[in-house]
Amino acid sequence: MSLDLGGPAIEIAIALAFVFFLLSLIVSQVTELIAGVLKLRAKNLRKGLEGMLGDQDVVKRLLSHPLVRTDLGKGGKRRDPSYISPKNFALTLRDLAEREPTLITKASDALTTQLRALDGASDNDLPGVSSLEKWFNESMDRVSGWYKRRAQWLTLVLAAILTIALNVSALRIAEQLSAEPTVRAAVVAKAEAASEEGGDEGAEGLKQAGENVESAVDDLAALDLPIFWIGEAVPEGGDEFLATAFGWLITILAISLGAPFWFDALGKLSNLRMAGKKPKEKPAAGA
């Protein structure tokens, strides 16, 4: 038994991937907006530095150093950075130690112990720049892991809110795509056009075009799929509610995979569909 890669099954998969991609863009933008308003990256960096250096006074002086704290907020008010390059961290720490020798020597035992453990360190001197950069990179890998886990939970919560608010059931969409070839063909055409527009820039290129949440919602509405609560009754009990809830769950988990995942899947499925199309039969000779 062979699978027709140009048939309805692959087209439904492409259409669903496109829907998940648009939803993921919305969640991604809202996540970034919340992270910016709450300054989650800057707070996460400060927390990571406090855990790394073990001394809040050293962290405060480091974040206030001109090599690190260069961005200005509204009204000229300085803000904590959300990113520090390894080299700037190393140079700043060494500069602080040279200008204020007692800052490091009077710091916590945890910090002095860590510094002595690094290559080339002694009781009276800091390690070299390369050793400090390596230490910073290893510590920030753990900090990045913390942030990603927090961001993933935020993404799941936002995905659940968006899915239920827009009433996006993957099962119901798949059912309509299967029953209405015209709608399916229209969605697939838009999906493949979006995939081609991305080019080498991938999902990030399309994300720039879809920065506005309202625009992404309009794109969803234009697909003519069973989305939104307009004219829909809330499912009541029994099998109907379970089916709707299961469809929501599939959508939520799909959104949590992220826009880059679905953009990549969209491209691969489109290529697979094109490769699976049967060539047109040539007319017989003399016809």
Protein backbone atom coordinates (compact mmCIF):
# COMPACT_ATOMS: atom_id res chain seq x y z
CA MET A 1 0.00 0.00 0.00
CA SER A 2 1.52 3.35 -1.06
CA LEU A 3 0.79 6.77 0.41
CA ASP A 4 -0.28 9.46 -2.03
CA LEU A 5 1.92 12.38 -0.98
CA GLY A 6 -0.05 14.68 -3.22
CA GLY A 7 -3.38 13.69 -1.69
CA PRO A 8 -5.67 15.11 1.04
CA ALA A 9 -3.64 13.76 4.00
CA ILE A 10 -0.52 15.79 3.22
CA GLU A 11 -2.62 18.85 2.39
CA ILE A 12 -4.39 18.66 5.76
CA ALA A 13 -0.99 18.39 7.45
CA ILE A 14 0.26 21.49 5.59
CA ALA A 15 -2.87 23.47 6.49
CA LEU A 16 -2.63 22.52 10.17
CA ALA A 17 1.07 23.38 10.24
CA PHE A 18 0.22 26.82 8.84
CA VAL A 19 -2.45 27.40 11.49
CA PHE A 20 -0.06 26.33 14.25
CA PHE A 21 2.62 28.59 12.77
CA LEU A 22 0.35 31.67 12.86
CA LEU A 23 -0.76 30.89 16.42
CA SER A 24 2.85 30.38 17.49
CA LEU A 25 3.76 33.80 16.07
CA ILE A 26 1.06 35.43 18.18
CA VAL A 27 2.17 33.64 21.36
CA SER A 28 5.82 34.40 20.62
CA GLN A 29 5.17 38.12 20.25
CA VAL A 30 3.03 38.32 23.38
CA THR A 31 5.70 36.38 25.32
CA GLU A 32 8.38 38.82 24.18
CA LEU A 33 6.12 41.75 25.08
CA ILE A 34 5.54 40.42 28.60
CA ALA A 35 9.25 39.65 29.02
CA GLY A 36 10.10 43.21 27.99
CA VAL A 37 7.53 44.89 30.24
CA LEU A 38 8.51 42.78 33.26
CA LYS A 39 12.23 42.97 32.37
CA LEU A 40 12.50 39.20 32.78
CA ARG A 41 15.82 38.88 30.94
CA ALA A 42 17.50 41.61 33.01
CA LYS A 43 16.14 40.16 36.26
CA ASN A 44 17.22 36.67 35.22
CA LEU A 45 20.73 37.93 34.43
CA ARG A 46 21.04 39.69 37.79
CA LYS A 47 19.83 36.60 39.61
CA GLY A 48 22.32 34.46 37.68
CA LEU A 49 25.19 36.82 38.51
CA GLU A 50 24.23 36.80 42.19
CA GLY A 51 24.30 33.02 42.17
CA MET A 52 27.58 33.01 40.26
CA LEU A 53 29.46 35.67 42.24
CA GLY A 54 27.74 35.05 45.56
CA ASP A 55 28.01 38.71 46.57
CA GLN A 56 25.28 41.28 45.87
CA ASP A 57 27.63 44.24 46.32
CA VAL A 58 30.01 42.93 43.65
CA VAL A 59 27.06 42.30 41.31
CA LYS A 60 25.73 45.81 41.90
CA ARG A 61 29.10 47.39 41.13
CA LEU A 62 29.58 45.18 38.08
CA LEU A 63 26.18 46.07 36.61
CA SER A 64 26.90 49.77 37.20
CA HIS A 65 30.21 49.66 35.33
CA PRO A 66 30.33 51.64 32.02
CA LEU A 67 31.47 48.55 30.09
CA VAL A 68 28.28 46.76 31.13
CA ARG A 69 25.57 49.33 31.87
CA THR A 70 25.52 51.48 28.75
CA ASP A 71 21.82 51.54 27.80
CA LEU A 72 19.60 54.40 28.88
CA GLY A 73 15.91 54.23 29.68
CA LYS A 74 13.31 56.98 29.49
CA GLY A 75 14.44 60.27 30.91
CA GLY A 76 18.08 59.17 30.94
CA LYS A 77 17.44 56.62 33.69
CA ARG A 78 19.87 53.72 33.52
CA ARG A 79 18.56 50.17 33.39
CA ASP A 80 20.06 46.79 34.15
CA PRO A 81 21.32 45.12 30.95
CA SER A 82 19.64 41.99 29.66
CA TYR A 83 22.91 40.71 28.15
CA ILE A 84 26.62 40.94 28.94
CA SER A 85 29.34 39.70 26.62
CA PRO A 86 31.86 37.30 28.23
CA LYS A 87 34.74 39.62 27.37
CA ASN A 88 33.08 42.67 28.94
CA PHE A 89 32.32 40.65 32.07
CA ALA A 90 35.96 39.59 32.39
CA LEU A 91 37.34 43.05 31.72
CA THR A 92 34.88 44.67 34.11
CA LEU A 93 35.65 42.27 36.96
CA ARG A 94 39.38 42.77 36.52
CA ASP A 95 38.93 46.55 36.34
CA LEU A 96 36.91 46.55 39.55
CA ALA A 97 39.58 44.47 41.27
CA GLU A 98 42.33 46.84 40.16
CA ARG A 99 40.47 50.02 41.09
CA GLU A 100 39.01 48.67 44.33
CA PRO A 101 41.18 45.77 45.59
CA THR A 102 39.16 45.41 48.79
CA LEU A 103 35.92 44.81 46.82
CA ILE A 104 37.01 41.29 45.90
CA THR A 105 39.09 40.49 48.99
CA LYS A 106 36.20 41.40 51.28
CA ALA A 107 33.62 39.60 49.16
CA SER A 108 31.97 36.36 50.15
CA ASP A 109 34.02 33.24 50.75
CA ALA A 110 32.19 31.55 47.86
CA LEU A 111 33.47 34.13 45.37
CA THR A 112 37.07 34.11 46.56
CA THR A 113 37.08 30.31 46.59
CA GLN A 114 35.77 30.14 43.00
CA LEU A 115 38.31 32.70 41.79
CA ARG A 116 41.21 30.85 43.39
CA ALA A 117 40.01 27.63 41.75
CA LEU A 118 40.28 29.10 38.26
CA ASP A 119 43.45 28.72 36.21
CA GLY A 120 46.16 31.24 37.00
CA ALA A 121 44.43 32.61 40.08
CA SER A 122 46.15 33.45 43.34
CA ASP A 123 45.17 35.00 46.64
CA ASN A 124 46.22 38.47 45.45
CA ASP A 125 45.33 38.39 41.78
CA LEU A 126 42.41 37.56 39.51
CA PRO A 127 42.51 34.87 36.81
CA GLY A 128 43.22 35.88 33.21
CA VAL A 129 40.54 37.19 30.86
CA SER A 130 40.17 33.86 29.02
CA SER A 131 39.61 31.97 32.30
CA LEU A 132 37.02 34.49 33.46
CA GLU A 133 35.25 34.31 30.06
CA LYS A 134 35.07 30.51 30.28
CA TRP A 135 33.70 30.70 33.83
CA PHE A 136 31.09 33.25 32.74
CA ASN A 137 30.00 31.20 29.72
CA GLU A 138 29.57 28.04 31.78
CA SER A 139 27.55 29.91 34.42
CA MET A 140 25.36 31.67 31.83
CA ASP A 141 24.54 28.34 30.18
CA ARG A 142 22.76 27.40 33.39
CA VAL A 143 21.12 30.83 33.61
CA SER A 144 19.85 30.44 30.02
CA GLY A 145 18.36 27.12 31.02
CA TRP A 146 16.45 28.79 33.85
CA TYR A 147 15.09 31.45 31.53
CA LYS A 148 14.05 28.96 28.85
CA ARG A 149 12.13 26.89 31.40
CA ARG A 150 10.32 29.98 32.72
CA ALA A 151 9.61 31.15 29.18
CA GLN A 152 8.29 27.70 28.27
CA TRP A 153 5.79 27.78 31.13
CA LEU A 154 4.70 31.27 30.08
CA THR A 155 4.32 30.04 26.51
CA LEU A 156 2.12 27.14 27.63
CA VAL A 157 -0.12 29.45 29.66
CA LEU A 158 -0.47 31.91 26.79
CA ALA A 159 -1.05 29.06 24.33
CA ALA A 160 -3.89 27.76 26.51
CA ILE A 161 -5.47 31.22 26.81
CA LEU A 162 -5.18 31.89 23.07
CA THR A 163 -6.49 28.46 22.08
CA ILE A 164 -9.59 28.68 24.25
CA ALA A 165 -10.17 32.38 23.53
CA LEU A 166 -10.13 31.75 19.78
CA ASN A 167 -11.73 28.29 20.09
CA VAL A 168 -9.03 26.60 17.98
CA SER A 169 -9.61 22.85 18.02
CA ALA A 170 -7.12 20.96 15.86
CA LEU A 171 -9.60 18.09 15.49
CA ARG A 172 -12.42 20.33 14.29
CA ILE A 173 -10.14 22.10 11.81
CA ALA A 174 -8.86 18.78 10.46
CA GLU A 175 -12.46 17.57 10.09
CA GLN A 176 -13.46 20.60 8.02
CA LEU A 177 -10.30 20.43 5.90
CA SER A 178 -11.10 16.81 5.14
CA ALA A 179 -14.73 17.54 4.26
CA GLU A 180 -14.19 20.69 2.17
CA PRO A 181 -11.54 20.37 -0.57
CA THR A 182 -12.05 23.97 -1.69
CA VAL A 183 -11.24 25.38 1.75
CA ARG A 184 -8.32 22.97 2.07
CA ALA A 185 -6.87 24.03 -1.27
CA ALA A 186 -7.15 27.72 -0.35
CA VAL A 187 -5.38 27.25 2.98
CA VAL A 188 -2.64 25.12 1.39
CA ALA A 189 -2.06 27.82 -1.24
CA LYS A 190 -1.62 30.48 1.45
CA ALA A 191 0.63 28.17 3.47
CA GLU A 192 2.92 27.44 0.55
CA ALA A 193 3.05 31.13 -0.39
CA ALA A 194 4.06 31.99 3.18
CA SER A 195 6.72 29.28 3.11
CA GLU A 196 8.22 30.69 -0.08
CA GLU A 197 8.15 34.27 1.23
CA GLY A 198 10.27 33.24 4.19
CA GLY A 199 13.20 32.36 1.92
CA ASP A 200 16.52 32.01 3.68
CA GLU A 201 15.37 34.15 6.59
CA GLY A 202 13.09 31.38 7.80
CA ALA A 203 10.57 31.98 10.53
CA GLU A 204 12.34 35.14 11.67
CA GLY A 205 11.74 36.75 8.28
CA LEU A 206 8.04 36.07 8.45
CA LYS A 207 7.94 37.13 12.06
CA GLN A 208 8.98 40.63 11.02
CA ALA A 209 6.04 40.75 8.62
CA GLY A 210 3.69 39.45 11.31
CA GLU A 211 4.92 41.49 14.29
CA ASN A 212 1.45 42.87 14.82
CA VAL A 213 -0.80 40.48 16.74
CA GLU A 214 -3.91 41.93 15.10
CA SER A 215 -2.44 41.17 11.67
CA ALA A 216 -1.81 37.54 12.60
CA VAL A 217 -5.36 37.18 13.92
CA ASP A 218 -6.68 38.63 10.66
CA ASP A 219 -4.63 36.05 8.77
CA LEU A 220 -6.30 33.31 10.78
CA ALA A 221 -9.76 34.75 10.17
CA ALA A 222 -9.09 34.88 6.42
CA LEU A 223 -8.52 31.12 6.31
CA ASP A 224 -12.27 30.43 6.55
CA LEU A 225 -11.73 27.70 9.16
CA PRO A 226 -13.85 26.84 12.24
CA ILE A 227 -12.03 29.31 14.50
CA PHE A 228 -13.45 31.88 16.99
CA TRP A 229 -16.58 31.59 19.09
CA ILE A 230 -18.81 33.56 16.72
CA GLY A 231 -22.00 31.55 16.24
CA GLU A 232 -20.57 28.70 18.33
CA ALA A 233 -22.19 27.34 21.46
CA VAL A 234 -20.09 26.28 24.44
CA PRO A 235 -19.81 22.45 24.38
CA GLU A 236 -22.01 20.89 27.02
CA GLY A 237 -20.95 17.73 28.81
CA GLY A 238 -20.24 14.25 27.57
CA ASP A 239 -18.48 13.34 24.35
CA GLU A 240 -18.84 16.79 22.79
CA PHE A 241 -16.92 18.52 25.56
CA LEU A 242 -14.23 15.81 25.67
CA ALA A 243 -13.71 16.04 21.92
CA THR A 244 -13.43 19.83 22.08
CA ALA A 245 -11.07 19.72 25.06
CA PHE A 246 -8.87 17.13 23.34
CA GLY A 247 -8.75 19.29 20.23
CA TRP A 248 -7.71 22.28 22.35
CA LEU A 249 -5.01 20.22 24.05
CA ILE A 250 -3.51 19.20 20.71
CA THR A 251 -3.46 22.86 19.64
CA ILE A 252 -1.85 24.02 22.91
CA LEU A 253 0.92 21.42 22.70
CA ALA A 254 1.49 22.25 19.03
CA ILE A 255 1.81 25.99 19.74
CA SER A 256 4.34 25.28 22.50
CA LEU A 257 6.73 23.86 19.89
CA GLY A 258 7.25 27.39 18.57
CA ALA A 259 7.04 29.25 15.27
CA PRO A 260 10.51 28.16 13.98
CA PHE A 261 9.49 24.50 14.36
CA TRP A 262 6.28 24.95 12.39
CA PHE A 263 7.91 27.09 9.73
CA ASP A 264 10.47 24.36 9.17
CA ALA A 265 7.75 21.70 9.14
CA LEU A 266 5.73 23.79 6.69
CA GLY A 267 8.63 23.92 4.25
CA LYS A 268 9.35 20.20 4.50
CA LEU A 269 5.70 19.22 4.07
CA SER A 270 5.33 21.53 1.05
CA ASN A 271 8.42 20.00 -0.58
CA LEU A 272 7.12 16.52 0.20
CA ARG A 273 3.79 17.34 -1.40
CA MET A 274 5.43 18.67 -4.56
CA ALA A 275 7.63 15.58 -4.79
CA GLY A 276 4.61 13.33 -4.34
CA LYS A 277 2.47 14.84 -7.08
CA LYS A 278 1.84 12.48 -9.94
CA PRO A 279 3.15 13.74 -13.29
CA LYS A 280 0.55 14.57 -15.90
CA GLU A 281 -0.01 11.85 -18.45
CA LYS A 282 1.36 12.68 -21.87
CA PRO A 283 -1.15 12.46 -24.74
CA ALA A 284 -0.76 9.44 -26.96
CA ALA A 285 1.20 9.91 -30.16
CA GLY A 286 -0.97 11.13 -33.01
CA ALA A 287 -3.77 12.21 -30.71
